[in-house]
Protein backbone atom coordinates (compact mmCIF):
# COMPACT_ATOMS: atom_id res chain seq x y z
CA MET A 1 102.08 104.04 101.51
CA ALA A 2 98.42 104.96 103.15
CA ALA A 3 99.98 108.00 104.06
CA ARG A 4 100.62 109.00 100.31
CA ASP A 5 97.38 107.55 98.98
CA GLY A 6 95.29 110.01 101.57
CA VAL A 7 97.18 113.09 100.26
CA ALA A 8 96.60 112.26 96.92
CA ALA A 9 92.91 111.72 96.99
CA GLN A 10 92.66 114.69 99.27
CA GLY A 11 94.06 116.90 96.23
CA ALA A 12 91.39 114.99 93.96
CA ALA A 13 88.76 115.64 95.75
CA ALA A 14 90.07 119.39 96.17
CA ALA A 15 90.73 119.27 92.14
CA LEU A 16 87.32 118.01 91.88
CA ALA A 17 85.81 120.33 94.41
CA THR A 18 88.18 123.68 92.52
CA ALA A 19 87.37 122.63 88.74
CA THR A 20 83.45 121.64 89.33
CA MET A 21 82.02 125.19 90.55
CA LEU A 22 81.20 127.64 88.67
CA THR A 23 81.23 131.60 89.65
CA ASP A 24 78.34 131.25 91.68
CA GLY A 25 79.28 128.26 93.59
CA GLU A 26 76.85 125.55 92.22
CA PRO A 27 78.15 122.33 90.33
CA GLU A 28 77.90 122.62 86.45
CA SER A 29 76.92 118.83 86.21
CA LYS A 30 76.80 114.73 87.22
CA ALA A 31 79.37 114.36 84.10
CA ALA A 32 81.79 117.17 84.62
CA GLU A 33 82.13 115.71 87.73
CA GLN A 34 82.79 112.87 86.91
CA ALA A 35 85.61 113.87 84.36
CA VAL A 36 87.05 115.75 85.93
CA ALA A 37 87.39 112.94 89.13
CA ARG A 38 88.13 110.39 85.93
CA ARG A 39 91.23 113.16 84.99
CA ALA A 40 92.52 113.58 88.75
CA ALA A 41 92.41 109.72 88.93
CA GLY A 42 94.78 109.49 85.48
CA LEU A 43 92.25 107.32 84.31
CA ARG A 44 91.96 108.34 80.20
CA SER A 45 89.45 107.79 77.55
CA TYR A 46 89.69 107.42 74.32
CA PHE A 47 86.63 108.61 72.70
CA GLY A 48 85.79 111.46 75.29
CA TYR A 49 82.87 109.29 76.26
CA PRO A 50 83.53 105.80 78.57
CA ALA A 51 80.20 104.58 77.28
CA LEU A 52 81.87 105.19 73.08
CA ASP A 53 85.58 102.91 74.29
CA GLN A 54 83.23 99.94 75.36
CA MET A 55 80.95 100.49 72.73
CA ALA A 56 84.02 100.32 70.52
CA ALA A 57 85.86 97.70 72.36
CA GLY A 58 82.36 95.27 71.71
CA LEU A 59 82.31 96.12 68.18
CA THR A 60 86.44 95.56 67.66
CA ALA A 61 85.84 92.17 69.91
CA GLY A 62 82.62 90.82 67.51
CA ALA A 63 84.00 91.67 64.42
CA LEU A 64 87.64 90.20 65.19
CA SER A 65 85.36 86.75 66.74
CA THR A 66 83.82 86.79 63.34
CA ALA A 67 86.68 86.77 61.77
CA ILE A 68 88.65 84.16 62.66
CA LEU A 69 85.96 81.83 63.73
CA GLN A 70 83.69 81.85 61.30
CA PRO A 71 86.15 80.09 58.58
CA LEU A 72 86.98 77.84 61.37
CA ASP A 73 83.28 76.76 61.69
CA VAL A 74 82.93 76.01 57.92
CA VAL A 75 86.00 73.75 57.44
CA LYS A 76 84.50 71.84 61.01
CA THR A 77 80.71 72.00 59.31
CA ARG A 78 82.35 70.75 56.16
CA LEU A 79 84.25 67.81 57.73
CA GLN A 80 81.63 66.88 59.63
CA GLY A 81 79.64 66.41 56.75
CA ARG A 82 81.71 64.43 54.49
CA LEU A 83 81.81 61.68 57.70
CA ARG A 84 78.27 60.84 56.68
């Protein structure tokens, strides 16, 4: 299995080197290199940029946790107020 992983890594490195070169042989940009490396590794970004993926995940998690936990907190607070 290690040999197969090594071959896959060499193939990904070759694809990265080939895809990021312009006609004059200069790399396009660091972002282009990272995008090609992600594609070669089989990783995809839902929005095209990992930062947007993380932002959407954070916003979704915050909204869901607030929507679920706030009503429970209101019930807890009202019950505590009745005990006094």
